[in-house]
N, C-alpha and C. Protein backbone atom coordinates (compact mmCIF):
# COMPACT_ATOMS: atom_id res chain seq x y z
N TYR A 1 110.92 100.71 111.36
CA TYR A 1 110.87 100.17 112.56
C TYR A 1 109.47 99.77 113.09
N MET A 2 108.60 100.68 112.76
CA MET A 2 107.28 100.50 113.29
C MET A 2 106.73 99.22 112.54
N LEU A 3 106.89 99.18 111.35
CA LEU A 3 106.51 97.97 110.43
C LEU A 3 107.05 96.65 110.96
N GLN A 4 108.32 96.68 111.26
CA GLN A 4 108.92 95.37 111.80
C GLN A 4 108.43 95.07 113.18
N THR A 5 108.18 96.10 113.93
CA THR A 5 107.42 95.84 115.23
C THR A 5 106.14 95.43 115.23
N PHE A 6 105.45 96.06 114.25
CA PHE A 6 103.94 95.45 114.14
C PHE A 6 104.05 93.95 113.69
N ALA A 7 104.84 93.61 112.68
CA ALA A 7 104.89 92.36 112.21
C ALA A 7 105.30 91.25 113.29
N MET A 8 106.17 91.67 114.00
CA MET A 8 106.50 90.61 115.17
C MET A 8 105.42 90.61 116.20
N ARG A 9 104.84 91.67 116.73
CA ARG A 9 103.75 91.70 117.59
C ARG A 9 102.56 91.00 117.03
N TYR A 10 102.20 91.31 115.62
CA TYR A 10 101.08 90.53 115.09
C TYR A 10 101.20 89.06 115.26
N GLN A 11 102.44 88.57 114.71
CA GLN A 11 102.73 87.12 114.86
C GLN A 11 102.67 86.61 116.08
N GLN A 12 102.98 87.22 117.22
CA GLN A 12 102.73 86.94 118.60
C GLN A 12 101.45 86.97 119.12
N GLY A 13 100.51 87.59 118.33
CA GLY A 13 99.04 87.87 118.86
C GLY A 13 99.05 89.00 119.72
N ARG A 14 99.95 89.96 119.79
CA ARG A 14 100.16 91.00 120.69
C ARG A 14 100.16 92.30 119.89
N ALA A 15 99.22 92.51 118.69
CA ALA A 15 99.34 93.74 118.11
C ALA A 15 98.64 94.84 118.76
N ARG A 16 97.64 94.42 119.73
CA ARG A 16 97.06 95.52 120.54
C ARG A 16 98.04 96.27 121.29
N GLU A 17 99.25 95.76 121.56
CA GLU A 17 100.11 96.54 122.39
C GLU A 17 100.75 97.62 121.71
N ILE A 18 100.68 97.64 120.47
CA ILE A 18 101.47 98.77 119.72
C ILE A 18 100.50 99.74 119.15
N THR A 19 99.26 99.79 119.55
CA THR A 19 98.21 100.62 119.07
C THR A 19 98.65 102.09 119.40
N ALA A 20 99.15 102.23 120.60
CA ALA A 20 99.61 103.56 121.10
C ALA A 20 100.59 104.26 120.18
N GLY A 21 101.43 103.43 119.56
CA GLY A 21 102.37 104.00 118.73
C GLY A 21 102.15 104.12 117.34
N LEU A 22 100.90 103.82 117.04
CA LEU A 22 100.28 103.88 115.67
C LEU A 22 99.26 104.82 115.65
N ARG A 23 99.17 105.88 114.76
CA ARG A 23 98.15 106.85 114.87
C ARG A 23 97.73 107.34 113.40
N THR A 24 96.64 107.71 113.29
CA THR A 24 96.11 108.32 111.98
C THR A 24 96.92 109.40 111.52
N PRO A 25 97.56 109.42 110.28
CA PRO A 25 98.41 110.45 109.97
C PRO A 25 97.68 111.85 110.02
N GLU A 26 98.31 112.83 110.31
CA GLU A 26 97.82 114.33 110.21
C GLU A 26 97.44 114.53 108.82
N ARG A 27 96.47 115.52 108.65
CA ARG A 27 96.09 115.77 107.19
C ARG A 27 97.11 116.39 106.36
N SER A 28 97.97 117.03 107.04
CA SER A 28 99.09 117.68 106.34
C SER A 28 100.34 116.77 105.88
N ALA A 29 100.36 115.46 106.51
CA ALA A 29 101.15 114.53 106.17
C ALA A 29 101.13 113.92 104.87
N PRO A 30 102.06 113.43 104.25
CA PRO A 30 101.92 112.71 102.97
C PRO A 30 100.87 111.46 103.24
N GLN A 31 99.85 111.34 102.34
CA GLN A 31 98.97 110.31 102.55
C GLN A 31 99.33 108.95 102.05
N VAL A 32 99.54 108.02 103.06
CA VAL A 32 99.93 106.80 102.76
C VAL A 32 98.76 105.87 103.27
N LEU A 33 97.77 105.92 102.82
CA LEU A 33 96.60 105.08 103.19
C LEU A 33 96.90 103.66 103.58
N ALA A 34 97.76 103.00 102.64
CA ALA A 34 98.02 101.73 102.94
C ALA A 34 98.67 101.43 104.36
N GLY A 35 99.47 102.47 104.71
CA GLY A 35 100.06 102.33 106.08
C GLY A 35 99.02 102.27 107.18
N THR A 36 97.85 102.84 107.01
CA THR A 36 96.97 102.90 108.02
C THR A 36 96.25 101.38 108.22
N ALA A 37 96.51 100.53 107.36
CA ALA A 37 96.09 99.09 107.50
C ALA A 37 96.73 98.56 108.92
N LEU A 38 97.87 98.80 109.24
CA LEU A 38 98.60 98.32 110.35
C LEU A 38 97.76 98.77 111.67
N LEU A 39 97.36 100.14 111.62
CA LEU A 39 96.58 100.60 112.71
C LEU A 39 95.17 100.06 112.84
N ALA A 40 94.62 99.85 111.71
CA ALA A 40 93.37 99.30 111.56
C ALA A 40 93.31 97.91 112.24
N LEU A 41 94.24 97.19 111.61
CA LEU A 41 94.21 95.65 112.10
C LEU A 41 94.40 95.61 113.60
N SER A 42 95.33 96.43 114.10
CA SER A 42 95.71 96.38 115.45
C SER A 42 94.64 96.77 116.34
N CYS A 43 93.92 97.90 115.95
CA CYS A 43 92.59 98.24 116.62
C CYS A 43 91.61 97.32 116.51
N ALA A 44 91.43 96.65 115.41
CA ALA A 44 90.33 95.62 115.33
C ALA A 44 90.50 94.43 116.35
N GLU A 45 91.70 94.06 116.22
CA GLU A 45 92.23 92.92 117.07
C GLU A 45 92.08 93.19 118.57
N ALA A 46 92.36 94.47 118.91
CA ALA A 46 92.34 94.97 120.34
C ALA A 46 90.85 95.27 120.83
N GLY A 47 89.93 95.21 120.00
CA GLY A 47 88.58 95.27 120.25
C GLY A 47 88.19 96.83 119.98
N ARG A 48 89.04 97.64 119.41
CA ARG A 48 88.71 99.05 119.20
C ARG A 48 88.04 99.12 117.81
N LEU A 49 86.86 98.70 117.71
CA LEU A 49 86.18 98.41 116.44
C LEU A 49 85.70 99.69 115.77
N ASP A 50 85.34 100.79 116.57
CA ASP A 50 85.11 101.97 115.94
C ASP A 50 86.11 102.59 115.20
N THR A 51 87.57 102.63 115.84
CA THR A 51 88.64 103.37 115.17
C THR A 51 88.90 102.39 113.90
N ALA A 52 88.85 100.96 114.08
CA ALA A 52 89.25 100.28 112.97
C ALA A 52 88.18 100.46 111.72
N ARG A 53 86.99 100.56 112.09
CA ARG A 53 85.89 100.70 111.11
C ARG A 53 86.09 102.20 110.43
N THR A 54 86.49 103.25 111.15
CA THR A 54 86.77 104.50 110.56
C THR A 54 87.88 104.49 109.59
N LEU A 55 88.94 103.66 109.92
CA LEU A 55 90.09 103.64 108.95
C LEU A 55 89.74 102.71 107.83
N LEU A 56 88.87 101.72 107.97
CA LEU A 56 88.46 100.90 106.83
C LEU A 56 87.53 101.68 105.92
N ASP A 57 86.77 102.70 106.53
CA ASP A 57 85.85 103.36 105.73
C ASP A 57 86.61 104.32 104.77
N HIS A 58 87.94 104.54 105.09
CA HIS A 58 88.83 105.44 104.26
C HIS A 58 89.28 104.54 103.07
N ALA A 59 89.45 103.33 103.37
CA ALA A 59 90.14 102.43 102.28
C ALA A 59 89.20 101.87 101.31
N VAL A 60 87.82 101.76 101.81
CA VAL A 60 86.89 101.08 100.95
C VAL A 60 85.66 102.02 101.03
N ILE A 61 85.47 102.69 100.04
CA ILE A 61 84.24 103.72 100.02
C ILE A 61 83.11 103.25 98.91
N ASP A 62 81.88 103.11 99.30
CA ASP A 62 80.87 102.67 98.35
C ASP A 62 81.30 101.63 97.50
N GLY A 63 81.99 100.60 98.32
CA GLY A 63 82.26 99.32 97.50
C GLY A 63 83.42 99.27 96.57
N VAL A 64 84.23 100.47 96.77
CA VAL A 64 85.40 100.63 95.99
C VAL A 64 86.69 100.68 96.84
N VAL A 65 87.57 99.83 96.52
CA VAL A 65 88.89 99.86 97.16
C VAL A 65 89.71 101.06 96.72
N THR A 66 90.01 102.10 97.60
CA THR A 66 90.51 103.38 97.13
C THR A 66 92.25 103.34 97.24
N LEU A 67 92.86 102.29 97.66
CA LEU A 67 94.19 102.07 97.78
C LEU A 67 94.94 102.18 96.38
N HIS A 68 95.95 102.93 96.56
CA HIS A 68 96.94 103.04 95.29
C HIS A 68 97.58 101.79 94.98
N HIS A 69 97.67 101.41 93.81
CA HIS A 69 98.31 100.30 93.19
C HIS A 69 99.80 100.47 93.30
N ASP A 70 100.38 100.55 94.48
CA ASP A 70 101.89 100.65 94.70
C ASP A 70 102.49 99.51 95.33
N ASN A 71 103.76 99.58 95.92
CA ASN A 71 104.24 98.52 96.55
C ASN A 71 103.79 98.08 97.85
N PHE A 72 102.82 98.89 98.47
CA PHE A 72 102.17 98.38 99.53
C PHE A 72 100.80 98.02 99.37
N PHE A 73 100.38 97.94 98.17
CA PHE A 73 98.94 97.58 97.90
C PHE A 73 98.71 96.07 98.45
N LEU A 74 99.54 95.10 98.02
CA LEU A 74 99.23 93.73 98.42
C LEU A 74 99.03 93.61 99.84
N ALA A 75 99.94 94.14 100.59
CA ALA A 75 99.74 94.04 102.05
C ALA A 75 98.54 94.73 102.59
N ALA A 76 98.18 95.83 102.04
CA ALA A 76 97.22 96.76 102.52
C ALA A 76 95.90 96.05 102.17
N ILE A 77 95.51 95.53 101.04
CA ILE A 77 94.38 94.71 100.84
C ILE A 77 94.23 93.64 101.69
N GLY A 78 95.29 92.79 101.81
CA GLY A 78 95.15 91.77 102.94
C GLY A 78 94.83 92.09 104.22
N LEU A 79 95.58 93.14 104.91
CA LEU A 79 95.36 93.42 106.25
C LEU A 79 94.01 94.26 106.28
N PHE A 80 93.64 95.12 105.39
CA PHE A 80 92.27 95.74 105.34
C PHE A 80 91.25 94.54 105.26
N GLY A 81 91.47 93.51 104.60
CA GLY A 81 90.60 92.32 104.51
C GLY A 81 90.36 91.74 105.90
N GLY A 82 91.53 91.70 106.59
CA GLY A 82 91.30 91.11 108.01
C GLY A 82 90.55 92.12 108.86
N VAL A 83 90.63 93.35 108.59
CA VAL A 83 89.82 94.18 109.38
C VAL A 83 88.34 94.15 108.97
N ALA A 84 88.09 93.97 107.56
CA ALA A 84 86.62 93.88 107.30
C ALA A 84 86.01 92.57 107.78
N ALA A 85 86.86 91.65 107.92
CA ALA A 85 86.36 90.34 108.46
C ALA A 85 86.03 90.57 109.82
N LEU A 86 86.65 91.31 110.73
CA LEU A 86 86.26 91.60 111.99
C LEU A 86 85.16 92.47 112.23
N CYS A 87 85.16 93.66 111.44
CA CYS A 87 84.14 94.66 111.74
C CYS A 87 83.52 95.32 110.45
N GLY A 88 83.86 94.85 109.33
CA GLY A 88 83.47 95.57 108.15
C GLY A 88 81.91 95.30 107.67
N SER A 89 81.40 95.90 106.76
CA SER A 89 80.12 95.67 106.10
C SER A 89 80.26 94.67 105.05
N ALA A 90 79.27 93.91 104.74
CA ALA A 90 79.20 92.85 103.69
C ALA A 90 79.75 93.48 102.21
N GLU A 91 79.36 94.81 102.13
CA GLU A 91 79.96 95.47 100.85
C GLU A 91 81.44 95.64 100.93
N GLN A 92 81.96 96.08 102.08
CA GLN A 92 83.41 96.14 102.16
C GLN A 92 84.17 94.89 102.09
N ARG A 93 83.70 93.70 102.69
CA ARG A 93 84.20 92.39 102.54
C ARG A 93 84.18 92.00 101.06
N ASP A 94 83.07 92.35 100.36
CA ASP A 94 83.12 91.87 98.89
C ASP A 94 84.02 92.63 98.13
N ALA A 95 84.27 93.95 98.39
CA ALA A 95 85.15 94.69 97.64
C ALA A 95 86.58 94.18 97.82
N LEU A 96 86.84 93.93 98.92
CA LEU A 96 88.02 93.49 99.30
C LEU A 96 88.38 92.00 98.98
N ARG A 97 87.42 91.25 98.85
CA ARG A 97 87.64 89.89 98.27
C ARG A 97 87.94 89.94 96.84
N THR A 98 87.11 90.85 96.05
CA THR A 98 87.47 91.08 94.70
C THR A 98 88.74 91.59 94.50
N ALA A 99 89.34 92.50 95.26
CA ALA A 99 90.59 93.04 95.12
C ALA A 99 91.68 91.94 95.38
N ILE A 100 91.52 91.16 96.44
CA ILE A 100 92.50 90.20 96.82
C ILE A 100 92.52 88.95 95.85
N ASP A 101 91.36 88.53 95.49
CA ASP A 101 91.29 87.22 94.78
C ASP A 101 92.19 87.00 93.60
N PRO A 102 92.41 88.06 92.74
CA PRO A 102 93.53 87.76 91.62
C PRO A 102 94.89 87.68 91.98
N ASN A 103 95.21 88.07 93.40
CA ASN A 103 96.48 87.95 93.89
C ASN A 103 96.44 86.78 94.99
N ALA A 104 95.64 85.92 95.08
CA ALA A 104 95.38 84.96 96.04
C ALA A 104 96.54 84.03 96.32
N ASP A 105 97.49 83.78 95.31
CA ASP A 105 98.50 82.90 95.40
C ASP A 105 99.84 83.66 95.70
N ASN A 106 99.58 85.05 95.76
CA ASN A 106 100.82 85.89 96.23
C ASN A 106 100.99 85.98 97.55
N PHE A 107 102.10 86.26 98.14
CA PHE A 107 102.37 86.59 99.54
C PHE A 107 101.84 88.06 99.71
N CYS A 108 101.51 88.17 100.92
CA CYS A 108 101.07 89.55 101.41
C CYS A 108 102.11 90.31 101.97
N VAL A 109 102.90 91.23 100.96
CA VAL A 109 104.03 91.80 101.30
C VAL A 109 103.98 93.31 101.40
N PHE A 110 104.48 93.85 102.37
CA PHE A 110 104.66 95.46 102.44
C PHE A 110 105.96 95.79 101.66
N GLY A 111 105.82 96.65 100.85
CA GLY A 111 107.01 97.21 100.06
C GLY A 111 107.74 96.06 99.45
N ALA A 112 109.26 96.25 99.43
CA ALA A 112 109.96 95.32 98.77
C ALA A 112 110.49 94.26 99.75
N GLY A 113 109.55 93.47 100.33
CA GLY A 113 109.79 92.40 101.32
C GLY A 113 110.08 92.83 102.69
N GLY A 114 109.60 94.27 102.99
CA GLY A 114 109.74 94.85 104.31
C GLY A 114 108.97 94.09 105.42
N ALA A 115 107.97 93.35 105.08
CA ALA A 115 107.19 92.55 106.15
C ALA A 115 106.13 91.72 105.33
N VAL A 116 106.09 90.39 105.74
CA VAL A 116 105.20 89.46 105.08
C VAL A 116 104.23 89.10 106.13
N PHE A 117 102.97 89.05 105.58
CA PHE A 117 101.86 88.68 106.28
C PHE A 117 101.13 87.42 105.70
N GLY A 118 101.77 86.32 105.61
CA GLY A 118 101.12 85.14 104.92
C GLY A 118 100.94 85.37 103.54
N THR A 119 100.05 84.57 102.90
CA THR A 119 99.59 84.63 101.55
C THR A 119 98.13 85.44 101.54
N GLN A 120 97.82 85.93 100.39
CA GLN A 120 96.49 86.31 100.27
C GLN A 120 95.33 85.33 100.61
N HIS A 121 95.65 84.04 100.41
CA HIS A 121 94.75 83.16 100.82
C HIS A 121 94.42 83.16 102.24
N HIS A 122 95.35 83.45 103.06
CA HIS A 122 95.12 83.74 104.64
C HIS A 122 93.84 84.67 104.88
N TRP A 123 94.07 85.83 104.05
CA TRP A 123 93.09 86.98 104.31
C TRP A 123 91.77 86.62 103.60
N LEU A 124 91.91 86.06 102.47
CA LEU A 124 90.45 85.42 101.76
C LEU A 124 89.86 84.62 102.86
N ALA A 125 90.43 83.69 103.38
CA ALA A 125 89.79 82.78 104.35
C ALA A 125 89.01 83.32 105.40
N ARG A 126 89.74 84.59 106.03
CA ARG A 126 89.01 85.32 107.05
C ARG A 126 87.68 85.90 106.52
N LEU A 127 87.84 86.36 105.35
CA LEU A 127 86.75 87.16 104.70
C LEU A 127 85.62 86.10 104.50
N ALA A 128 86.07 84.90 103.95
CA ALA A 128 85.04 83.99 103.56
C ALA A 128 84.27 83.40 104.98
N ALA A 129 85.18 83.29 105.85
CA ALA A 129 84.50 82.82 107.26
C ALA A 129 83.60 83.79 107.76
N ALA A 130 83.95 85.07 107.65
CA ALA A 130 83.04 86.33 108.11
C ALA A 130 81.75 86.16 107.51
N ASP A 131 81.69 85.94 106.20
CA ASP A 131 80.51 85.72 105.43
C ASP A 131 79.85 84.35 105.59
N GLY A 132 80.25 83.54 106.52
CA GLY A 132 79.63 82.25 106.82
C GLY A 132 80.11 81.14 105.83
N GLU A 133 80.96 81.42 104.90
CA GLU A 133 81.44 80.34 103.84
C GLU A 133 82.64 79.56 104.36
N VAL A 134 82.42 78.86 105.34
CA VAL A 134 83.19 77.91 105.93
C VAL A 134 84.06 76.88 105.18
N ALA A 135 83.51 76.27 104.34
CA ALA A 135 83.97 75.35 103.26
C ALA A 135 85.06 76.08 102.41
N GLN A 136 84.74 77.19 102.02
CA GLN A 136 85.65 78.09 101.15
C GLN A 136 86.78 78.52 101.90
N ALA A 137 86.45 79.04 103.23
CA ALA A 137 87.53 79.50 103.99
C ALA A 137 88.65 78.38 104.12
N ARG A 138 88.03 77.22 104.59
CA ARG A 138 89.03 76.10 104.54
C ARG A 138 89.87 75.85 103.40
N GLU A 139 89.27 75.89 102.13
CA GLU A 139 89.97 75.72 101.03
C GLU A 139 91.17 76.72 100.82
N HIS A 140 90.76 77.90 101.13
CA HIS A 140 91.78 79.14 101.17
C HIS A 140 92.91 78.67 102.05
N LEU A 141 92.66 78.21 103.22
CA LEU A 141 93.64 77.98 104.15
C LEU A 141 94.42 76.72 103.82
N GLU A 142 93.96 75.75 103.24
CA GLU A 142 94.58 74.63 102.74
C GLU A 142 95.61 75.09 101.64
N ARG A 143 95.16 76.05 100.75
CA ARG A 143 95.99 76.38 99.68
C ARG A 143 97.03 77.34 100.22
N ALA A 144 96.71 78.16 101.27
CA ALA A 144 97.88 79.06 101.91
C ALA A 144 98.94 78.10 102.63
N GLU A 145 98.42 77.05 103.34
CA GLU A 145 99.32 76.19 103.77
C GLU A 145 100.44 75.38 102.96
N LYS A 146 99.84 75.00 101.73
CA LYS A 146 100.75 74.44 100.72
C LYS A 146 101.81 75.45 100.26
N LEU A 147 101.24 76.65 99.94
CA LEU A 147 102.12 77.73 99.40
C LEU A 147 103.17 78.07 100.30
N CYS A 148 102.83 78.15 101.57
CA CYS A 148 103.79 78.50 102.72
C CYS A 148 104.79 77.44 102.89
N ASP A 149 104.31 76.18 102.84
CA ASP A 149 105.14 74.97 103.18
C ASP A 149 106.27 74.99 101.97
N THR A 150 105.80 75.23 100.77
CA THR A 150 106.73 75.24 99.68
C THR A 150 107.79 76.16 99.75
N ALA A 151 107.39 77.30 100.26
CA ALA A 151 108.31 78.57 100.33
C ALA A 151 109.10 78.53 101.63
N GLY A 152 108.85 77.60 102.51
CA GLY A 152 109.50 77.45 103.78
C GLY A 152 109.17 78.67 104.73
N ALA A 153 107.85 79.08 104.64
CA ALA A 153 107.36 80.07 105.50
C ALA A 153 106.59 79.29 106.58
N THR A 154 107.23 78.73 107.52
CA THR A 154 106.82 77.86 108.46
C THR A 154 105.72 78.43 109.41
N TYR A 155 105.93 79.72 109.85
CA TYR A 155 105.15 80.27 110.72
C TYR A 155 103.80 80.41 110.08
N TRP A 156 103.62 80.74 108.78
CA TRP A 156 102.36 81.17 108.18
C TRP A 156 101.72 79.78 107.76
N ALA A 157 102.53 78.70 107.45
CA ALA A 157 101.91 77.48 107.16
C ALA A 157 101.30 76.85 108.43
N ASN A 158 102.03 77.02 109.52
CA ASN A 158 101.44 76.55 110.80
C ASN A 158 100.18 77.32 111.11
N ARG A 159 100.21 78.56 110.96
CA ARG A 159 99.04 79.47 111.15
C ARG A 159 97.85 79.10 110.40
N ALA A 160 98.03 78.67 109.17
CA ALA A 160 96.89 78.27 108.21
C ALA A 160 96.40 76.98 108.74
N ARG A 161 97.28 76.04 109.12
CA ARG A 161 96.76 74.70 109.73
C ARG A 161 96.01 74.99 110.97
N HIS A 162 96.49 75.74 111.81
CA HIS A 162 95.79 76.06 113.06
C HIS A 162 94.36 76.82 112.72
N GLU A 163 94.35 77.72 111.91
CA GLU A 163 93.11 78.39 111.64
C GLU A 163 92.08 77.41 111.06
N ASN A 164 92.71 76.30 110.11
CA ASN A 164 91.89 75.63 109.39
C ASN A 164 91.29 74.53 110.52
N SER A 165 92.06 74.13 111.45
CA SER A 165 91.49 73.17 112.60
C SER A 165 90.52 73.76 113.37
N VAL A 166 90.71 75.07 113.63
CA VAL A 166 89.62 75.87 114.48
C VAL A 166 88.26 75.84 113.57
N LEU A 167 88.35 76.08 112.33
CA LEU A 167 87.20 76.22 111.45
C LEU A 167 86.59 74.84 111.37
N ALA A 168 87.46 73.68 111.37
CA ALA A 168 86.83 72.36 111.35
C ALA A 168 86.03 72.06 112.51
N GLN A 169 86.24 72.60 113.73
CA GLN A 169 85.68 72.31 114.93
C GLN A 169 84.42 72.97 115.08
N GLU A 170 84.20 74.05 114.24
CA GLU A 170 82.91 75.06 114.20
C GLU A 170 81.66 74.32 113.60
C-alpha cells in the first residue's frame, strides 16, 4: 500500500505529503535498506535534506553502494540516485552513477513490477545535472524518452521531455 501511495504521490509531485507515514525502520526490524529509498527521496524533495542525507549515508558508505542485489535493487539505486542529486556528496553521486550505468536502459522497478519510476536514464540524468554535466543529462533524458515512448510509458516519456526542456533553458 505504502509503495503504491508513494508512487502515485511522487508522480503527482506530492511525495512530501507522505513523509509522516514513512519512517526509518527500528533496529530490530528486518533490514530492507532499499525501502528507505522512498523515505529518503520524499524527505529530499520536501526539503528535509538532513534526514535524506542520513538515509543516503547508510546506502552509500565510503563510495560503495551497500544495497543488496535483490528485486528492490534497481529501484533503490535509482531513487537513491535522485537523493544524491539533491543533497549527496560528489563521491555518493559517482558511486550511484557507477551502479546505475550498467542498468541504464532498464526500467527502475521495485520488486516484480510493484512500482515503476521511469528508466535508469531518468536518474542518471539527475546525477549528471547535479554534477554540472548538462549535455550528458540531456542525452540521458532523450534516451529515457525513447525507451518510454516505445514501452507505452507515457507519463515517464512526458516527464523526460519536460525535464529536458527545463535543462535546455538553463
